[in-house]
All heavy atoms as atom14 arrays in JSON, in Angstrom:
{
  "sequence": "TIGGQPVDTTRNYRIATLDYLAQGNDGLTAFKAKTNVVSPQEEQYDIR",
  "atom14_mask": [
    [1, 1, 1, 1, 1, 1, 1, 0, 0, 0, 0, 0, 0, 0],
    [1, 1, 1, 1, 1, 1, 1, 1, 0, 0, 0, 0, 0, 0],
    [1, 1, 1, 1, 0, 0, 0, 0, 0, 0, 0, 0, 0, 0],
    [1, 1, 1, 1, 0, 0, 0, 0, 0, 0, 0, 0, 0, 0],
    [1, 1, 1, 1, 1, 1, 1, 1, 1, 0, 0, 0, 0, 0],
    [1, 1, 1, 1, 1, 1, 1, 0, 0, 0, 0, 0, 0, 0],
    [1, 1, 1, 1, 1, 1, 1, 0, 0, 0, 0, 0, 0, 0],
    [1, 1, 1, 1, 1, 1, 1, 1, 0, 0, 0, 0, 0, 0],
    [1, 1, 1, 1, 1, 1, 1, 0, 0, 0, 0, 0, 0, 0],
    [1, 1, 1, 1, 1, 1, 1, 0, 0, 0, 0, 0, 0, 0],
    [1, 1, 1, 1, 1, 1, 1, 1, 1, 1, 1, 0, 0, 0],
    [1, 1, 1, 1, 1, 1, 1, 1, 0, 0, 0, 0, 0, 0],
    [1, 1, 1, 1, 1, 1, 1, 1, 1, 1, 1, 1, 0, 0],
    [1, 1, 1, 1, 1, 1, 1, 1, 1, 1, 1, 0, 0, 0],
    [1, 1, 1, 1, 1, 1, 1, 1, 0, 0, 0, 0, 0, 0],
    [1, 1, 1, 1, 1, 0, 0, 0, 0, 0, 0, 0, 0, 0],
    [1, 1, 1, 1, 1, 1, 1, 0, 0, 0, 0, 0, 0, 0],
    [1, 1, 1, 1, 1, 1, 1, 1, 0, 0, 0, 0, 0, 0],
    [1, 1, 1, 1, 1, 1, 1, 1, 0, 0, 0, 0, 0, 0],
    [1, 1, 1, 1, 1, 1, 1, 1, 1, 1, 1, 1, 0, 0],
    [1, 1, 1, 1, 1, 1, 1, 1, 0, 0, 0, 0, 0, 0],
    [1, 1, 1, 1, 1, 0, 0, 0, 0, 0, 0, 0, 0, 0],
    [1, 1, 1, 1, 1, 1, 1, 1, 1, 0, 0, 0, 0, 0],
    [1, 1, 1, 1, 0, 0, 0, 0, 0, 0, 0, 0, 0, 0],
    [1, 1, 1, 1, 1, 1, 1, 1, 0, 0, 0, 0, 0, 0],
    [1, 1, 1, 1, 1, 1, 1, 1, 0, 0, 0, 0, 0, 0],
    [1, 1, 1, 1, 0, 0, 0, 0, 0, 0, 0, 0, 0, 0],
    [1, 1, 1, 1, 1, 1, 1, 1, 0, 0, 0, 0, 0, 0],
    [1, 1, 1, 1, 1, 1, 1, 0, 0, 0, 0, 0, 0, 0],
    [1, 1, 1, 1, 1, 0, 0, 0, 0, 0, 0, 0, 0, 0],
    [1, 1, 1, 1, 1, 1, 1, 1, 1, 1, 1, 0, 0, 0],
    [1, 1, 1, 1, 1, 1, 1, 1, 1, 0, 0, 0, 0, 0],
    [1, 1, 1, 1, 1, 0, 0, 0, 0, 0, 0, 0, 0, 0],
    [1, 1, 1, 1, 1, 1, 1, 1, 1, 0, 0, 0, 0, 0],
    [1, 1, 1, 1, 1, 1, 1, 0, 0, 0, 0, 0, 0, 0],
    [1, 1, 1, 1, 1, 1, 1, 1, 0, 0, 0, 0, 0, 0],
    [1, 1, 1, 1, 1, 1, 1, 0, 0, 0, 0, 0, 0, 0],
    [1, 1, 1, 1, 1, 1, 1, 0, 0, 0, 0, 0, 0, 0],
    [1, 1, 1, 1, 1, 1, 0, 0, 0, 0, 0, 0, 0, 0],
    [1, 1, 1, 1, 1, 1, 1, 0, 0, 0, 0, 0, 0, 0],
    [1, 1, 1, 1, 1, 1, 1, 1, 1, 0, 0, 0, 0, 0],
    [1, 1, 1, 1, 1, 1, 1, 1, 1, 0, 0, 0, 0, 0],
    [1, 1, 1, 1, 1, 1, 1, 1, 1, 0, 0, 0, 0, 0],
    [1, 1, 1, 1, 1, 1, 1, 1, 1, 0, 0, 0, 0, 0],
    [1, 1, 1, 1, 1, 1, 1, 1, 1, 1, 1, 1, 0, 0],
    [1, 1, 1, 1, 1, 1, 1, 1, 0, 0, 0, 0, 0, 0],
    [1, 1, 1, 1, 1, 1, 1, 1, 0, 0, 0, 0, 0, 0],
    [1, 1, 1, 1, 1, 1, 1, 1, 1, 1, 1, 0, 0, 0]
  ],
  "atom14_positions": [
    [[0.84, -1.19, 0.0], [0.0, 0.01, 0.01], [0.87, 1.24, 0.0], [1.99, 1.23, 0.48], [-0.92, 0.05, 1.24], [-0.14, 0.06, 2.42], [-1.89, -1.15, 1.25], [0.0, 0.0, 0.0], [0.0, 0.0, 0.0], [0.0, 0.0, 0.0], [0.0, 0.0, 0.0], [0.0, 0.0, 0.0], [0.0, 0.0, 0.0], [0.0, 0.0, 0.0]],
    [[0.34, 2.34, -0.57], [1.0, 3.63, -0.56], [-0.03, 4.63, 0.0], [-1.09, 4.78, -0.57], [1.45, 4.06, -1.97], [2.4, 3.01, -2.55], [2.13, 5.43, -1.95], [2.75, 3.27, -4.03], [0.0, 0.0, 0.0], [0.0, 0.0, 0.0], [0.0, 0.0, 0.0], [0.0, 0.0, 0.0], [0.0, 0.0, 0.0], [0.0, 0.0, 0.0]],
    [[0.32, 5.28, 1.06], [-0.6, 6.21, 1.69], [-1.88, 5.53, 2.14], [-2.95, 6.14, 2.15], [0.0, 0.0, 0.0], [0.0, 0.0, 0.0], [0.0, 0.0, 0.0], [0.0, 0.0, 0.0], [0.0, 0.0, 0.0], [0.0, 0.0, 0.0], [0.0, 0.0, 0.0], [0.0, 0.0, 0.0], [0.0, 0.0, 0.0], [0.0, 0.0, 0.0]],
    [[-1.76, 4.27, 2.55], [-2.91, 3.52, 3.04], [-3.79, 2.91, 1.97], [-4.79, 2.27, 2.29], [0.0, 0.0, 0.0], [0.0, 0.0, 0.0], [0.0, 0.0, 0.0], [0.0, 0.0, 0.0], [0.0, 0.0, 0.0], [0.0, 0.0, 0.0], [0.0, 0.0, 0.0], [0.0, 0.0, 0.0], [0.0, 0.0, 0.0], [0.0, 0.0, 0.0]],
    [[-3.43, 3.13, 0.71], [-4.24, 2.58, -0.41], [-3.46, 1.57, -1.21], [-2.25, 1.68, -1.39], [-4.64, 3.75, -1.34], [-5.48, 4.82, -0.67], [-6.81, 4.28, -0.19], [-7.47, 3.52, -0.88], [-7.2, 4.7, 1.03], [0.0, 0.0, 0.0], [0.0, 0.0, 0.0], [0.0, 0.0, 0.0], [0.0, 0.0, 0.0], [0.0, 0.0, 0.0]],
    [[-4.13, 0.5, -1.69], [-3.46, -0.49, -2.55], [-2.89, 0.21, -3.8], [-3.43, 1.25, -4.25], [-4.58, -1.45, -2.93], [-5.62, -1.28, -1.86], [-5.56, 0.16, -1.45], [0.0, 0.0, 0.0], [0.0, 0.0, 0.0], [0.0, 0.0, 0.0], [0.0, 0.0, 0.0], [0.0, 0.0, 0.0], [0.0, 0.0, 0.0], [0.0, 0.0, 0.0]],
    [[-1.84, -0.34, -4.32], [-1.24, 0.22, -5.55], [-2.26, 0.17, -6.67], [-2.85, -0.88, -6.98], [0.05, -0.54, -5.94], [0.59, 0.02, -7.25], [1.08, -0.44, -4.81], [0.0, 0.0, 0.0], [0.0, 0.0, 0.0], [0.0, 0.0, 0.0], [0.0, 0.0, 0.0], [0.0, 0.0, 0.0], [0.0, 0.0, 0.0], [0.0, 0.0, 0.0]],
    [[-2.49, 1.28, -7.31], [-3.48, 1.42, -8.38], [-2.78, 1.18, -9.73], [-1.94, 2.0, -10.16], [-4.1, 2.83, -8.35], [-5.24, 2.98, -9.37], [-5.41, 2.1, -10.25], [-5.99, 3.99, -9.26], [0.0, 0.0, 0.0], [0.0, 0.0, 0.0], [0.0, 0.0, 0.0], [0.0, 0.0, 0.0], [0.0, 0.0, 0.0], [0.0, 0.0, 0.0]],
    [[-3.11, 0.12, -10.4], [-2.43, -0.23, -11.64], [-2.85, 0.68, -12.8], [-2.26, 0.6, -13.9], [-2.71, -1.72, -12.03], [-4.12, -1.91, -12.15], [-2.14, -2.65, -10.98], [0.0, 0.0, 0.0], [0.0, 0.0, 0.0], [0.0, 0.0, 0.0], [0.0, 0.0, 0.0], [0.0, 0.0, 0.0], [0.0, 0.0, 0.0], [0.0, 0.0, 0.0]],
    [[-3.85, 1.51, -12.61], [-4.34, 2.38, -13.69], [-3.71, 3.78, -13.63], [-3.98, 4.63, -14.5], [-5.86, 2.54, -13.64], [-6.25, 3.26, -12.44], [-6.55, 1.19, -13.63], [0.0, 0.0, 0.0], [0.0, 0.0, 0.0], [0.0, 0.0, 0.0], [0.0, 0.0, 0.0], [0.0, 0.0, 0.0], [0.0, 0.0, 0.0], [0.0, 0.0, 0.0]],
    [[-2.88, 4.07, -12.61], [-2.32, 5.4, -12.52], [-0.79, 5.37, -12.51], [-0.18, 4.27, -12.46], [-2.78, 6.1, -11.22], [-2.42, 5.38, -9.94], [-2.43, 6.31, -8.74], [-1.33, 7.25, -8.77], [-0.99, 8.06, -7.73], [-1.69, 8.0, -6.61], [0.02, 8.89, -7.82], [0.0, 0.0, 0.0], [0.0, 0.0, 0.0], [0.0, 0.0, 0.0]],
    [[-0.17, 6.53, -12.62], [1.26, 6.67, -12.59], [1.71, 7.17, -11.18], [0.97, 7.9, -10.52], [1.76, 7.64, -13.64], [1.57, 7.12, -15.05], [1.55, 5.92, -15.26], [1.38, 8.02, -15.99], [0.0, 0.0, 0.0], [0.0, 0.0, 0.0], [0.0, 0.0, 0.0], [0.0, 0.0, 0.0], [0.0, 0.0, 0.0], [0.0, 0.0, 0.0]],
    [[2.92, 6.81, -10.79], [3.44, 7.21, -9.51], [4.78, 7.94, -9.71], [5.62, 7.5, -10.52], [3.68, 6.0, -8.58], [2.39, 5.37, -8.11], [1.72, 4.41, -8.88], [1.83, 5.71, -6.89], [0.54, 3.83, -8.42], [0.65, 5.14, -6.41], [0.02, 4.21, -7.2], [-1.16, 3.63, -6.75], [0.0, 0.0, 0.0], [0.0, 0.0, 0.0]],
    [[4.95, 9.01, -9.01], [6.2, 9.78, -9.04], [7.09, 9.3, -7.9], [6.65, 9.2, -6.72], [5.92, 11.27, -8.91], [7.05, 12.17, -9.3], [7.36, 12.11, -10.77], [8.34, 13.13, -11.16], [9.03, 13.01, -12.29], [8.87, 11.98, -13.11], [9.92, 13.95, -12.62], [0.0, 0.0, 0.0], [0.0, 0.0, 0.0], [0.0, 0.0, 0.0]],
    [[8.34, 9.01, -8.19], [9.24, 8.39, -7.23], [10.55, 9.18, -7.12], [11.08, 9.62, -8.15], [9.55, 6.93, -7.63], [8.26, 6.15, -7.81], [10.45, 6.26, -6.56], [8.45, 4.81, -8.5], [0.0, 0.0, 0.0], [0.0, 0.0, 0.0], [0.0, 0.0, 0.0], [0.0, 0.0, 0.0], [0.0, 0.0, 0.0], [0.0, 0.0, 0.0]],
    [[11.03, 9.35, -5.93], [12.36, 9.93, -5.7], [13.33, 8.79, -5.34], [13.01, 7.95, -4.5], [12.31, 10.95, -4.57], [0.0, 0.0, 0.0], [0.0, 0.0, 0.0], [0.0, 0.0, 0.0], [0.0, 0.0, 0.0], [0.0, 0.0, 0.0], [0.0, 0.0, 0.0], [0.0, 0.0, 0.0], [0.0, 0.0, 0.0], [0.0, 0.0, 0.0]],
    [[14.48, 8.81, -5.95], [15.47, 7.73, -5.68], [16.86, 8.21, -6.06], [17.09, 9.41, -6.3], [15.08, 6.43, -6.45], [15.89, 5.36, -6.01], [15.19, 6.6, -7.94], [0.0, 0.0, 0.0], [0.0, 0.0, 0.0], [0.0, 0.0, 0.0], [0.0, 0.0, 0.0], [0.0, 0.0, 0.0], [0.0, 0.0, 0.0], [0.0, 0.0, 0.0]],
    [[17.8, 7.3, -6.15], [19.16, 7.6, -6.59], [19.29, 7.29, -8.07], [18.67, 6.35, -8.59], [20.19, 6.76, -5.84], [20.02, 6.58, -4.31], [21.16, 5.73, -3.76], [19.96, 7.93, -3.63], [0.0, 0.0, 0.0], [0.0, 0.0, 0.0], [0.0, 0.0, 0.0], [0.0, 0.0, 0.0], [0.0, 0.0, 0.0], [0.0, 0.0, 0.0]],
    [[20.1, 8.06, -8.79], [20.28, 7.76, -10.2], [20.83, 6.37, -10.45], [20.55, 5.73, -11.47], [21.13, 8.84, -10.9], [22.52, 9.04, -10.28], [22.84, 8.4, -9.22], [23.32, 9.83, -10.82], [0.0, 0.0, 0.0], [0.0, 0.0, 0.0], [0.0, 0.0, 0.0], [0.0, 0.0, 0.0], [0.0, 0.0, 0.0], [0.0, 0.0, 0.0]],
    [[21.63, 5.86, -9.49], [22.14, 4.52, -9.59], [21.03, 3.49, -9.66], [21.05, 2.56, -10.49], [23.07, 4.24, -8.38], [23.52, 2.79, -8.25], [24.55, 2.28, -9.03], [22.92, 1.96, -7.31], [24.95, 0.99, -8.92], [23.32, 0.64, -7.17], [24.34, 0.17, -7.96], [24.74, -1.14, -7.82], [0.0, 0.0, 0.0], [0.0, 0.0, 0.0]],
    [[20.04, 3.63, -8.82], [18.9, 2.71, -8.81], [18.02, 2.93, -10.03], [17.43, 1.97, -10.59], [18.07, 2.86, -7.54], [18.72, 2.46, -6.24], [17.76, 2.6, -5.09], [19.23, 1.03, -6.33], [0.0, 0.0, 0.0], [0.0, 0.0, 0.0], [0.0, 0.0, 0.0], [0.0, 0.0, 0.0], [0.0, 0.0, 0.0], [0.0, 0.0, 0.0]],
    [[17.89, 4.18, -10.47], [17.05, 4.5, -11.63], [17.51, 3.77, -12.87], [16.74, 3.57, -13.83], [17.03, 6.01, -11.87], [0.0, 0.0, 0.0], [0.0, 0.0, 0.0], [0.0, 0.0, 0.0], [0.0, 0.0, 0.0], [0.0, 0.0, 0.0], [0.0, 0.0, 0.0], [0.0, 0.0, 0.0], [0.0, 0.0, 0.0], [0.0, 0.0, 0.0]],
    [[18.77, 3.34, -12.89], [19.32, 2.6, -14.05], [18.97, 1.14, -13.99], [19.31, 0.38, -14.88], [20.84, 2.79, -14.07], [21.3, 4.2, -14.3], [22.76, 4.39, -13.99], [23.53, 3.45, -13.82], [23.19, 5.64, -13.9], [0.0, 0.0, 0.0], [0.0, 0.0, 0.0], [0.0, 0.0, 0.0], [0.0, 0.0, 0.0], [0.0, 0.0, 0.0]],
    [[18.31, 0.71, -12.91], [17.91, -0.68, -12.77], [18.87, -1.54, -12.03], [18.8, -2.76, -12.07], [0.0, 0.0, 0.0], [0.0, 0.0, 0.0], [0.0, 0.0, 0.0], [0.0, 0.0, 0.0], [0.0, 0.0, 0.0], [0.0, 0.0, 0.0], [0.0, 0.0, 0.0], [0.0, 0.0, 0.0], [0.0, 0.0, 0.0], [0.0, 0.0, 0.0]],
    [[19.79, -0.91, -11.29], [20.8, -1.65, -10.54], [20.25, -2.24, -9.25], [19.13, -1.95, -8.84], [21.99, -0.76, -10.23], [22.77, -0.37, -11.5], [23.11, -1.23, -12.29], [23.01, 0.91, -11.65], [0.0, 0.0, 0.0], [0.0, 0.0, 0.0], [0.0, 0.0, 0.0], [0.0, 0.0, 0.0], [0.0, 0.0, 0.0], [0.0, 0.0, 0.0]],
    [[21.06, -3.07, -8.59], [20.7, -3.74, -7.33], [19.43, -4.57, -7.47], [18.67, -4.72, -6.51], [20.55, -2.72, -6.2], [21.88, -2.51, -5.51], [22.91, -2.86, -6.07], [21.87, -1.93, -4.39], [0.0, 0.0, 0.0], [0.0, 0.0, 0.0], [0.0, 0.0, 0.0], [0.0, 0.0, 0.0], [0.0, 0.0, 0.0], [0.0, 0.0, 0.0]],
    [[19.2, -5.13, -8.65], [18.08, -6.04, -8.85], [16.73, -5.34, -9.0], [15.69, -5.99, -9.12], [0.0, 0.0, 0.0], [0.0, 0.0, 0.0], [0.0, 0.0, 0.0], [0.0, 0.0, 0.0], [0.0, 0.0, 0.0], [0.0, 0.0, 0.0], [0.0, 0.0, 0.0], [0.0, 0.0, 0.0], [0.0, 0.0, 0.0], [0.0, 0.0, 0.0]],
    [[16.71, -4.02, -8.99], [15.46, -3.27, -9.11], [15.23, -2.88, -10.58], [15.24, -1.7, -10.97], [15.45, -2.04, -8.18], [15.74, -2.33, -6.71], [15.66, -1.06, -5.86], [14.73, -3.37, -6.18], [0.0, 0.0, 0.0], [0.0, 0.0, 0.0], [0.0, 0.0, 0.0], [0.0, 0.0, 0.0], [0.0, 0.0, 0.0], [0.0, 0.0, 0.0]],
    [[14.99, -3.88, -11.4], [14.94, -3.68, -12.86], [13.66, -2.96, -13.3], [13.6, -2.44, -14.42], [15.02, -5.01, -13.58], [13.91, -5.85, -13.2], [16.31, -5.75, -13.25], [0.0, 0.0, 0.0], [0.0, 0.0, 0.0], [0.0, 0.0, 0.0], [0.0, 0.0, 0.0], [0.0, 0.0, 0.0], [0.0, 0.0, 0.0], [0.0, 0.0, 0.0]],
    [[12.64, -2.89, -12.43], [11.41, -2.15, -12.8], [11.72, -0.71, -13.13], [11.01, -0.09, -13.93], [10.42, -2.26, -11.64], [0.0, 0.0, 0.0], [0.0, 0.0, 0.0], [0.0, 0.0, 0.0], [0.0, 0.0, 0.0], [0.0, 0.0, 0.0], [0.0, 0.0, 0.0], [0.0, 0.0, 0.0], [0.0, 0.0, 0.0], [0.0, 0.0, 0.0]],
    [[12.78, -0.14, -12.55], [13.15, 1.24, -12.79], [13.52, 1.48, -14.24], [13.52, 2.62, -14.72], [14.28, 1.67, -11.88], [13.83, 2.1, -10.5], [14.46, 1.62, -9.37], [12.8, 3.02, -10.34], [14.06, 2.02, -8.11], [12.4, 3.43, -9.09], [13.02, 2.9, -7.93], [0.0, 0.0, 0.0], [0.0, 0.0, 0.0], [0.0, 0.0, 0.0]],
    [[13.87, 0.44, -14.98], [14.24, 0.61, -16.39], [13.1, 1.12, -17.25], [13.33, 1.62, -18.35], [14.82, -0.67, -16.94], [16.15, -1.1, -16.36], [16.7, -2.34, -17.01], [18.07, -2.73, -16.45], [18.63, -3.94, -17.09], [0.0, 0.0, 0.0], [0.0, 0.0, 0.0], [0.0, 0.0, 0.0], [0.0, 0.0, 0.0], [0.0, 0.0, 0.0]],
    [[11.84, 0.96, -16.73], [10.66, 1.4, -17.46], [10.32, 2.84, -17.1], [9.21, 3.31, -17.44], [9.49, 0.49, -17.14], [0.0, 0.0, 0.0], [0.0, 0.0, 0.0], [0.0, 0.0, 0.0], [0.0, 0.0, 0.0], [0.0, 0.0, 0.0], [0.0, 0.0, 0.0], [0.0, 0.0, 0.0], [0.0, 0.0, 0.0], [0.0, 0.0, 0.0]],
    [[11.22, 3.57, -16.5], [10.95, 4.95, -16.04], [10.66, 5.88, -17.2], [11.14, 5.71, -18.32], [12.16, 5.44, -15.27], [13.45, 5.51, -16.08], [14.65, 5.81, -15.21], [15.96, 5.79, -16.03], [16.26, 4.41, -16.52], [0.0, 0.0, 0.0], [0.0, 0.0, 0.0], [0.0, 0.0, 0.0], [0.0, 0.0, 0.0], [0.0, 0.0, 0.0]],
    [[9.88, 6.89, -16.87], [9.59, 8.01, -17.8], [9.73, 9.34, -17.02], [9.78, 9.34, -15.8], [8.21, 7.9, -18.42], [7.22, 7.91, -17.38], [8.07, 6.64, -19.27], [0.0, 0.0, 0.0], [0.0, 0.0, 0.0], [0.0, 0.0, 0.0], [0.0, 0.0, 0.0], [0.0, 0.0, 0.0], [0.0, 0.0, 0.0], [0.0, 0.0, 0.0]],
    [[9.73, 10.46, -17.77], [9.75, 11.8, -17.18], [10.85, 11.93, -16.09], [10.59, 12.34, -14.97], [8.39, 12.11, -16.55], [7.27, 12.06, -17.58], [7.44, 12.41, -18.71], [6.09, 11.57, -17.14], [0.0, 0.0, 0.0], [0.0, 0.0, 0.0], [0.0, 0.0, 0.0], [0.0, 0.0, 0.0], [0.0, 0.0, 0.0], [0.0, 0.0, 0.0]],
    [[12.06, 11.61, -16.5], [13.18, 11.6, -15.56], [13.72, 13.04, -15.33], [13.95, 13.77, -16.31], [14.31, 10.68, -16.08], [15.5, 10.73, -15.14], [13.79, 9.27, -16.25], [0.0, 0.0, 0.0], [0.0, 0.0, 0.0], [0.0, 0.0, 0.0], [0.0, 0.0, 0.0], [0.0, 0.0, 0.0], [0.0, 0.0, 0.0], [0.0, 0.0, 0.0]],
    [[13.91, 13.38, -14.07], [14.6, 14.62, -13.69], [15.72, 14.22, -12.77], [15.52, 13.74, -11.66], [13.62, 15.57, -12.96], [14.4, 16.78, -12.46], [12.5, 16.0, -13.89], [0.0, 0.0, 0.0], [0.0, 0.0, 0.0], [0.0, 0.0, 0.0], [0.0, 0.0, 0.0], [0.0, 0.0, 0.0], [0.0, 0.0, 0.0], [0.0, 0.0, 0.0]],
    [[16.97, 14.41, -13.23], [18.15, 14.03, -12.44], [19.31, 14.93, -12.75], [20.21, 14.56, -13.49], [18.52, 12.55, -12.73], [19.55, 12.14, -11.87], [0.0, 0.0, 0.0], [0.0, 0.0, 0.0], [0.0, 0.0, 0.0], [0.0, 0.0, 0.0], [0.0, 0.0, 0.0], [0.0, 0.0, 0.0], [0.0, 0.0, 0.0], [0.0, 0.0, 0.0]],
    [[19.34, 16.12, -12.17], [20.48, 17.02, -12.4], [21.78, 16.45, -11.9], [21.87, 15.86, -10.84], [20.1, 18.27, -11.58], [19.13, 17.78, -10.55], [18.39, 16.66, -11.19], [0.0, 0.0, 0.0], [0.0, 0.0, 0.0], [0.0, 0.0, 0.0], [0.0, 0.0, 0.0], [0.0, 0.0, 0.0], [0.0, 0.0, 0.0], [0.0, 0.0, 0.0]],
    [[22.82, 16.58, -12.71], [24.1, 15.91, -12.44], [25.18, 16.84, -11.88], [26.31, 16.41, -11.66], [24.62, 15.21, -13.74], [23.76, 14.08, -14.19], [23.64, 12.95, -13.17], [24.67, 12.34, -12.81], [22.44, 12.67, -12.67], [0.0, 0.0, 0.0], [0.0, 0.0, 0.0], [0.0, 0.0, 0.0], [0.0, 0.0, 0.0], [0.0, 0.0, 0.0]],
    [[24.83, 18.1, -11.59], [25.8, 18.98, -10.97], [26.15, 18.48, -9.57], [25.37, 17.79, -8.91], [25.24, 20.4, -10.89], [25.12, 21.12, -12.23], [23.85, 20.71, -12.98], [23.05, 19.94, -12.45], [23.7, 21.18, -14.13], [0.0, 0.0, 0.0], [0.0, 0.0, 0.0], [0.0, 0.0, 0.0], [0.0, 0.0, 0.0], [0.0, 0.0, 0.0]],
    [[27.36, 18.85, -9.12], [27.85, 18.31, -7.87], [26.93, 18.6, -6.67], [26.78, 17.73, -5.78], [29.25, 18.9, -7.56], [29.9, 18.34, -6.29], [31.26, 18.93, -6.05], [31.69, 19.81, -6.8], [31.91, 18.49, -5.06], [0.0, 0.0, 0.0], [0.0, 0.0, 0.0], [0.0, 0.0, 0.0], [0.0, 0.0, 0.0], [0.0, 0.0, 0.0]],
    [[26.29, 19.72, -6.62], [25.46, 20.08, -5.5], [24.22, 19.19, -5.36], [23.54, 19.22, -4.32], [25.02, 21.55, -5.54], [24.1, 21.9, -6.7], [24.88, 22.47, -7.88], [25.99, 22.07, -8.15], [24.24, 23.43, -8.56], [0.0, 0.0, 0.0], [0.0, 0.0, 0.0], [0.0, 0.0, 0.0], [0.0, 0.0, 0.0], [0.0, 0.0, 0.0]],
    [[23.95, 18.4, -6.38], [22.81, 17.48, -6.31], [23.21, 16.05, -5.99], [22.41, 15.13, -6.08], [22.02, 17.53, -7.65], [21.57, 18.93, -7.97], [21.93, 19.52, -9.16], [20.79, 19.67, -7.07], [21.56, 20.85, -9.47], [20.41, 20.96, -7.36], [20.78, 21.54, -8.57], [20.39, 22.82, -8.83], [0.0, 0.0, 0.0], [0.0, 0.0, 0.0]],
    [[24.47, 15.9, -5.59], [24.91, 14.62, -5.05], [24.13, 14.34, -3.78], [23.84, 15.24, -2.99], [26.43, 14.72, -4.76], [27.03, 13.36, -4.36], [26.62, 12.81, -3.34], [27.93, 12.89, -5.08], [0.0, 0.0, 0.0], [0.0, 0.0, 0.0], [0.0, 0.0, 0.0], [0.0, 0.0, 0.0], [0.0, 0.0, 0.0], [0.0, 0.0, 0.0]],
    [[23.79, 13.06, -3.53], [22.97, 12.69, -2.41], [23.54, 13.18, -1.1], [22.83, 13.62, -0.18], [22.74, 11.17, -2.38], [21.88, 10.74, -3.54], [22.14, 10.71, -1.06], [20.48, 11.31, -3.55], [0.0, 0.0, 0.0], [0.0, 0.0, 0.0], [0.0, 0.0, 0.0], [0.0, 0.0, 0.0], [0.0, 0.0, 0.0], [0.0, 0.0, 0.0]],
    [[24.88, 13.12, -0.93], [25.47, 13.51, 0.35], [25.18, 14.98, 0.68], [24.96, 15.33, 1.82], [26.98, 13.21, 0.37], [27.84, 14.12, -0.49], [29.29, 13.83, -0.25], [29.64, 12.51, -0.77], [30.21, 12.3, -1.94], [30.53, 13.33, -2.73], [30.51, 11.08, -2.33], [0.0, 0.0, 0.0], [0.0, 0.0, 0.0], [0.0, 0.0, 0.0]]
  ]
}
């Protein structure tokens, strides 16, 4: 569930994550189907 509701297969979900995972690494291959990607690569947007 997300926000107390079952995952709705008819809608889209916006997700925040690491660019490393967004590439489908660590076995999370579902991320390879991503769309509308926003991932600035300047140093100040490093996770740390």
